[in-house]
Amino acid sequence: MISLRNVQKKFGTRPAVENLDLEVSRGEIFGLLGHNGAGKSTAIGMMLGQVWPTAGEIRICSHDVTTHRQHALQKVGAIFESPVFYDYLSGWRNLEILSHYTAPTSKKRIAEVVEWVGLTGREKSKVKTYSHGMRARLALAQALLPQPELLILDEPSDGLDPEGIHEMRQTILRLHKEFSLTILLSSHLLNEVEQLCTRIAVLNQGKKVFDGTIATATKNQNWTRLRTSDFDLATEKLRGANFIRDARDGNLIALNENVGTDEVVRLLVAEKISVFEIAPHQETLEDFYLALMNKN
């Protein structure tokens, strides 16, 4: 559904995206991660034909975006950056106007998406009376108008309260399940990405630094959580005994092969270092992301 080959974008002499290769297969929920300024929005802008690439090939739904933009985006819905609505008009009238930018849309279709996103009963109210969560639902309704096969969602839960974030997550899962949509999701909420996506790519300073499954990113790499009275001294003693190969974050150690936690405890107690906790550590996506950013 999405294919980027050696895509580059420069603003003047500053590279925003460098040599980006990316593949998103039909039917998956794919996460695009990175800090502010990492190149996520620029990459999405190029996918949507709103930013012109300096070099490389971008294909959406098998069509080249730069040469056949209309065909490429015909079955694409998107929430990109901050959706803008006419506050003095109703939600319904906004959808009517926005639908003219893509393709003629029947009243029946507008009613369907209004009901689907949960705005029935408020569709005739002016948008200026909408809560942030209702605006997010209106943005999603607009993205669904063209009956898309691909949804590109840039920070869809931005600014929502915990209840709104939960509702958006459930809505995305329903879209994927009921309509078999392919979804590209960009978000700073790593916990949401971990619950929604099967694969992710991570950008840092315009370069891709990871591309793989959530399972690969969060697999337990034999890290053990260790809480002691003096972690630095404990790791020094453990390295001296060749018990560990690495340590990080002030509470994690990587045991060498065939070394058990019981041996670690015995050694530290013998060195008069108190051990408060020792247990296997399950890596989260946040752990993985922060460690990856610290390396690059």
Protein backbone atom coordinates (compact mmCIF):
# COMPACT_ATOMS: atom_id res chain seq x y z
CA MET A 1 0.00 0.00 0.00
CA ILE A 2 2.89 2.35 0.76
CA SER A 3 6.33 2.09 -0.79
CA LEU A 4 9.13 4.64 -0.37
CA ARG A 5 12.45 4.12 -2.13
CA ASN A 6 15.52 6.22 -1.31
CA VAL A 7 13.31 9.23 -0.54
CA GLN A 8 15.07 12.47 0.32
CA LYS A 9 13.85 15.93 1.20
CA LYS A 10 15.91 19.05 1.75
CA PHE A 11 14.68 22.48 2.80
CA GLY A 12 17.41 24.66 1.39
CA THR A 13 20.61 22.92 2.46
CA ARG A 14 19.04 21.28 5.51
CA PRO A 15 18.13 17.60 5.07
CA ALA A 16 14.74 16.75 6.60
CA VAL A 17 14.53 13.16 5.32
CA GLU A 18 17.52 11.14 4.12
CA ASN A 19 17.50 7.97 2.02
CA LEU A 20 14.23 6.70 3.47
CA ASP A 21 13.03 3.24 2.44
CA LEU A 22 9.65 2.18 3.83
CA GLU A 23 7.13 -0.56 3.05
CA VAL A 24 3.62 -0.83 4.51
CA SER A 25 1.70 -3.93 3.46
CA ARG A 26 -2.02 -4.15 2.85
CA GLY A 27 -4.05 -4.80 5.99
CA GLU A 28 -1.52 -3.87 8.66
CA ILE A 29 -1.40 -1.11 11.27
CA PHE A 30 2.04 0.43 10.94
CA GLY A 31 3.55 2.89 13.41
CA LEU A 32 5.86 5.77 12.43
CA LEU A 33 7.79 7.05 15.44
CA GLY A 34 10.28 9.80 16.16
CA HIS A 35 10.74 12.94 18.21
CA ASN A 36 9.73 16.40 17.02
CA GLY A 37 11.84 17.31 14.00
CA ALA A 38 12.73 13.69 13.22
CA GLY A 39 11.11 13.88 9.77
CA LYS A 40 7.78 12.12 10.41
CA SER A 41 5.52 14.95 9.26
CA THR A 42 7.74 15.64 6.25
CA ALA A 43 7.57 11.96 5.26
CA ILE A 44 3.77 11.90 5.64
CA GLY A 45 3.47 15.18 3.74
CA MET A 46 5.37 13.60 0.84
CA MET A 47 3.11 10.53 0.92
CA LEU A 48 0.09 12.82 0.63
CA GLY A 49 1.60 14.88 -2.17
CA GLN A 50 1.70 18.03 -0.04
CA VAL A 51 5.49 18.11 0.16
CA TRP A 52 7.58 17.53 -2.97
CA PRO A 53 10.49 15.10 -2.51
CA THR A 54 14.00 16.19 -3.49
CA ALA A 55 14.74 12.66 -4.70
CA GLY A 56 13.39 9.12 -4.58
CA GLU A 57 10.17 7.32 -5.42
CA ILE A 58 6.90 7.36 -3.44
CA ARG A 59 4.14 4.94 -4.41
CA ILE A 60 0.75 4.85 -2.70
CA CYS A 61 -1.76 2.15 -3.68
CA SER A 62 0.66 1.18 -6.49
CA HIS A 63 0.66 4.69 -8.06
CA ASP A 64 3.52 7.20 -8.09
CA VAL A 65 2.44 10.18 -5.98
CA THR A 66 4.57 12.71 -7.85
CA THR A 67 3.29 11.80 -11.34
CA HIS A 68 -0.19 10.38 -10.65
CA ARG A 69 -1.26 12.05 -7.41
CA GLN A 70 -5.01 11.82 -8.06
CA HIS A 71 -4.91 8.06 -8.70
CA ALA A 72 -2.48 7.46 -5.82
CA LEU A 73 -4.68 9.24 -3.26
CA GLN A 74 -8.10 8.25 -4.59
CA LYS A 75 -8.61 5.65 -1.84
CA VAL A 76 -6.65 7.40 0.90
CA GLY A 77 -8.09 9.15 3.94
CA ALA A 78 -5.90 11.23 6.24
CA ILE A 79 -5.69 13.24 9.42
CA PHE A 80 -2.57 15.32 8.87
CA GLU A 81 -1.20 17.87 11.33
CA SER A 82 -3.99 19.93 12.96
CA PRO A 83 -7.31 19.54 11.08
CA VAL A 84 -8.90 22.92 10.34
CA PHE A 85 -12.66 23.38 10.29
CA TYR A 86 -15.07 26.26 9.77
CA ASP A 87 -16.05 26.89 13.39
CA TYR A 88 -19.13 28.96 12.49
CA LEU A 89 -20.59 26.10 10.40
CA SER A 90 -22.06 22.79 11.55
CA GLY A 91 -20.14 19.56 11.53
CA TRP A 92 -22.38 18.33 8.73
CA ARG A 93 -21.77 21.41 6.58
CA ASN A 94 -18.02 21.08 7.16
CA LEU A 95 -18.14 17.50 5.88
CA GLU A 96 -20.12 18.59 2.82
CA ILE A 97 -17.54 21.26 1.98
CA LEU A 98 -14.53 19.04 2.67
CA SER A 99 -15.97 16.24 0.53
CA HIS A 100 -15.79 18.53 -2.53
CA TYR A 101 -11.99 18.49 -2.24
CA THR A 102 -11.92 14.73 -2.90
CA ALA A 103 -15.00 13.40 -4.70
CA PRO A 104 -18.77 14.01 -4.73
CA THR A 105 -20.23 12.47 -1.57
CA SER A 106 -23.87 11.58 -1.03
CA LYS A 107 -25.86 12.63 2.04
CA LYS A 108 -26.28 8.96 2.80
CA ARG A 109 -22.48 8.49 2.98
CA ILE A 110 -22.07 11.55 5.20
CA ALA A 111 -24.78 10.22 7.53
CA GLU A 112 -23.00 6.85 7.64
CA VAL A 113 -19.65 8.28 8.74
CA VAL A 114 -21.32 10.67 11.21
CA GLU A 115 -23.01 7.69 12.86
CA TRP A 116 -19.89 5.58 12.64
CA VAL A 117 -17.70 8.09 14.54
CA GLY A 118 -20.41 8.80 17.11
CA LEU A 119 -21.47 12.33 16.18
CA THR A 120 -25.13 11.58 15.50
CA GLY A 121 -27.25 14.19 17.26
CA ARG A 122 -24.50 16.81 17.17
CA GLU A 123 -23.81 16.90 13.44
CA LYS A 124 -25.98 20.00 12.99
CA SER A 125 -24.32 21.90 15.86
CA LYS A 126 -21.68 24.50 15.07
CA VAL A 127 -18.14 23.20 15.32
CA LYS A 128 -17.20 25.99 17.74
CA THR A 129 -19.38 24.19 20.33
CA TYR A 130 -17.50 20.89 19.90
CA SER A 131 -15.16 19.49 22.53
CA HIS A 132 -11.63 18.47 21.54
CA GLY A 133 -12.77 14.85 21.39
CA MET A 134 -15.67 15.71 19.09
CA ARG A 135 -13.31 17.62 16.79
CA ALA A 136 -11.11 14.53 16.64
CA ARG A 137 -14.15 12.45 15.65
CA LEU A 138 -15.10 15.01 13.02
CA ALA A 139 -11.56 14.82 11.61
CA LEU A 140 -11.85 11.05 11.44
CA ALA A 141 -15.25 11.34 9.74
CA GLN A 142 -13.71 13.59 7.09
CA ALA A 143 -10.92 11.03 6.54
CA LEU A 144 -13.51 8.27 6.06
CA LEU A 145 -15.64 10.12 3.49
CA PRO A 146 -13.91 8.73 0.37
CA GLN A 147 -14.37 5.12 1.61
CA PRO A 148 -10.60 4.70 1.88
CA GLU A 149 -8.53 1.55 1.71
CA LEU A 150 -5.62 3.35 3.40
CA LEU A 151 -5.79 5.68 6.40
CA ILE A 152 -2.85 7.92 7.29
CA LEU A 153 -3.25 9.29 10.81
CA ASP A 154 -0.81 11.91 12.11
CA GLU A 155 -1.15 12.19 15.91
CA PRO A 156 -4.87 11.28 15.96
CA SER A 157 -5.01 11.31 19.78
CA ASP A 158 -3.14 14.59 20.21
CA GLY A 159 -4.65 16.66 23.02
CA LEU A 160 -7.26 14.08 24.03
CA ASP A 161 -7.93 13.15 27.64
CA PRO A 162 -7.46 9.49 28.74
CA GLU A 163 -11.07 8.62 27.89
CA GLY A 164 -10.73 10.21 24.46
CA ILE A 165 -7.45 8.38 23.82
CA HIS A 166 -9.14 5.08 24.73
CA GLU A 167 -12.07 5.84 22.40
CA MET A 168 -9.74 6.72 19.53
CA ARG A 169 -7.78 3.51 20.04
CA GLN A 170 -10.94 1.41 19.98
CA THR A 171 -12.15 3.26 16.88
CA ILE A 172 -8.90 2.58 15.02
CA LEU A 173 -9.09 -1.11 15.94
CA ARG A 174 -12.71 -1.26 14.72
CA LEU A 175 -11.77 0.40 11.44
CA HIS A 176 -9.03 -2.12 10.92
CA LYS A 177 -11.19 -5.11 11.84
CA GLU A 178 -14.50 -4.19 10.18
CA PHE A 179 -13.24 -2.53 7.01
CA SER A 180 -9.85 -4.26 6.63
CA LEU A 181 -8.20 -0.86 6.34
CA THR A 182 -4.47 -0.41 6.09
CA ILE A 183 -3.44 2.20 8.65
CA LEU A 184 -0.26 4.25 8.97
CA LEU A 185 -0.18 5.80 12.43
CA SER A 186 2.20 8.50 13.64
CA SER A 187 2.08 9.12 17.39
CA HIS A 188 4.10 10.24 20.40
CA LEU A 189 1.98 7.98 22.63
CA LEU A 190 4.20 4.89 22.68
CA ASN A 191 1.78 2.90 24.82
CA GLU A 192 -0.93 3.43 22.19
CA VAL A 193 1.41 2.41 19.38
CA GLU A 194 2.36 -0.73 21.30
CA GLN A 195 -1.31 -1.69 21.64
CA LEU A 196 -2.26 -0.90 18.04
CA CYS A 197 0.63 -1.65 15.70
CA THR A 198 2.28 -4.83 14.51
CA ARG A 199 5.26 -3.11 12.86
CA ILE A 200 7.02 0.20 13.37
CA ALA A 201 9.71 2.39 11.86
CA VAL A 202 11.66 4.90 13.94
CA LEU A 203 13.10 8.10 12.49
CA ASN A 204 15.85 10.16 14.09
CA GLN A 205 17.18 13.35 12.48
CA GLY A 206 15.65 12.38 9.15
CA LYS A 207 17.15 8.88 9.06
CA LYS A 208 15.46 5.55 9.69
CA VAL A 209 17.12 3.90 12.69
CA PHE A 210 14.75 0.93 13.12
CA ASP A 211 12.22 -0.95 11.01
CA GLY A 212 10.64 -4.13 12.34
CA THR A 213 7.92 -5.74 14.42
CA ILE A 214 6.82 -4.63 17.86
CA ALA A 215 7.69 -8.14 19.06
CA THR A 216 11.28 -7.71 17.88
CA ALA A 217 11.55 -4.28 19.49
CA THR A 218 10.19 -5.40 22.86
CA LYS A 219 11.58 -8.90 23.11
CA ASN A 220 13.31 -9.70 26.37
CA GLN A 221 17.00 -9.50 25.59
CA ASN A 222 17.96 -11.20 28.88
CA TRP A 223 17.85 -7.96 30.82
CA THR A 224 17.42 -8.44 34.54
CA ARG A 225 16.14 -5.77 36.88
CA LEU A 226 18.49 -5.31 39.85
CA ARG A 227 17.87 -2.95 42.77
CA THR A 228 20.73 -2.71 45.23
CA SER A 229 22.18 -0.35 47.81
CA ASP A 230 24.90 0.66 45.30
CA PHE A 231 24.23 -0.20 41.66
CA ASP A 232 27.55 1.15 40.34
CA LEU A 233 29.57 -0.85 42.82
CA ALA A 234 27.40 -3.92 42.21
CA THR A 235 28.00 -3.81 38.44
CA GLU A 236 31.72 -3.29 39.02
CA LYS A 237 31.88 -6.47 41.12
CA LEU A 238 29.69 -8.40 38.66
CA ARG A 239 31.87 -7.38 35.70
CA GLY A 240 34.96 -8.42 37.65
CA ALA A 241 33.45 -11.87 38.18
CA ASN A 242 32.43 -12.02 34.47
CA PHE A 243 28.79 -12.39 35.47
CA ILE A 244 27.39 -9.61 33.26
CA ARG A 245 28.08 -8.24 29.78
CA ASP A 246 26.22 -4.93 30.09
CA ALA A 247 24.34 -2.61 32.46
CA ARG A 248 22.09 0.41 31.92
CA ASP A 249 19.56 2.81 33.38
CA GLY A 250 20.83 2.36 36.93
CA ASN A 251 18.80 -0.82 37.48
CA LEU A 252 19.26 -3.22 34.55
CA ILE A 253 21.95 -5.84 33.95
CA ALA A 254 22.50 -8.31 31.10
CA LEU A 255 23.68 -11.65 32.46
CA ASN A 256 26.31 -13.70 30.68
CA GLU A 257 25.29 -17.12 29.46
CA ASN A 258 24.86 -19.78 32.16
CA VAL A 259 24.90 -17.20 34.97
CA GLY A 260 21.91 -17.44 37.30
CA THR A 261 20.35 -14.76 39.48
CA ASP A 262 21.15 -16.86 42.55
CA GLU A 263 24.86 -16.53 41.77
CA VAL A 264 24.48 -12.78 41.41
CA VAL A 265 22.77 -12.50 44.79
CA ARG A 266 25.40 -14.67 46.53
CA LEU A 267 28.26 -12.60 45.13
CA LEU A 268 26.70 -9.26 46.04
CA VAL A 269 25.77 -10.38 49.56
CA ALA A 270 29.33 -11.66 50.04
CA GLU A 271 30.52 -8.17 49.00
CA LYS A 272 28.14 -6.67 51.60
CA ILE A 273 25.96 -5.05 48.93
CA SER A 274 22.27 -5.22 49.84
CA VAL A 275 19.96 -6.69 47.16
CA PHE A 276 16.40 -5.35 47.30
CA GLU A 277 15.10 -6.89 44.08
CA ILE A 278 16.27 -9.09 41.22
CA ALA A 279 13.82 -10.19 38.54
CA PRO A 280 13.49 -10.67 34.75
CA HIS A 281 12.76 -7.41 32.92
CA GLN A 282 10.22 -7.25 30.08
CA GLU A 283 11.21 -4.53 27.62
CA THR A 284 8.44 -2.08 26.72
CA LEU A 285 8.29 -0.08 23.51
CA GLU A 286 9.15 3.01 25.55
CA ASP A 287 12.27 1.28 26.95
CA PHE A 288 13.31 0.28 23.45
CA TYR A 289 12.62 3.72 21.97
CA LEU A 290 14.54 5.63 24.64
CA ALA A 291 17.50 3.27 24.42
CA LEU A 292 17.49 3.61 20.62
CA MET A 293 17.42 7.41 20.83
CA ASN A 294 20.32 7.40 23.30
CA LYS A 295 22.41 5.33 20.88
CA ASN A 296 21.82 7.63 17.88
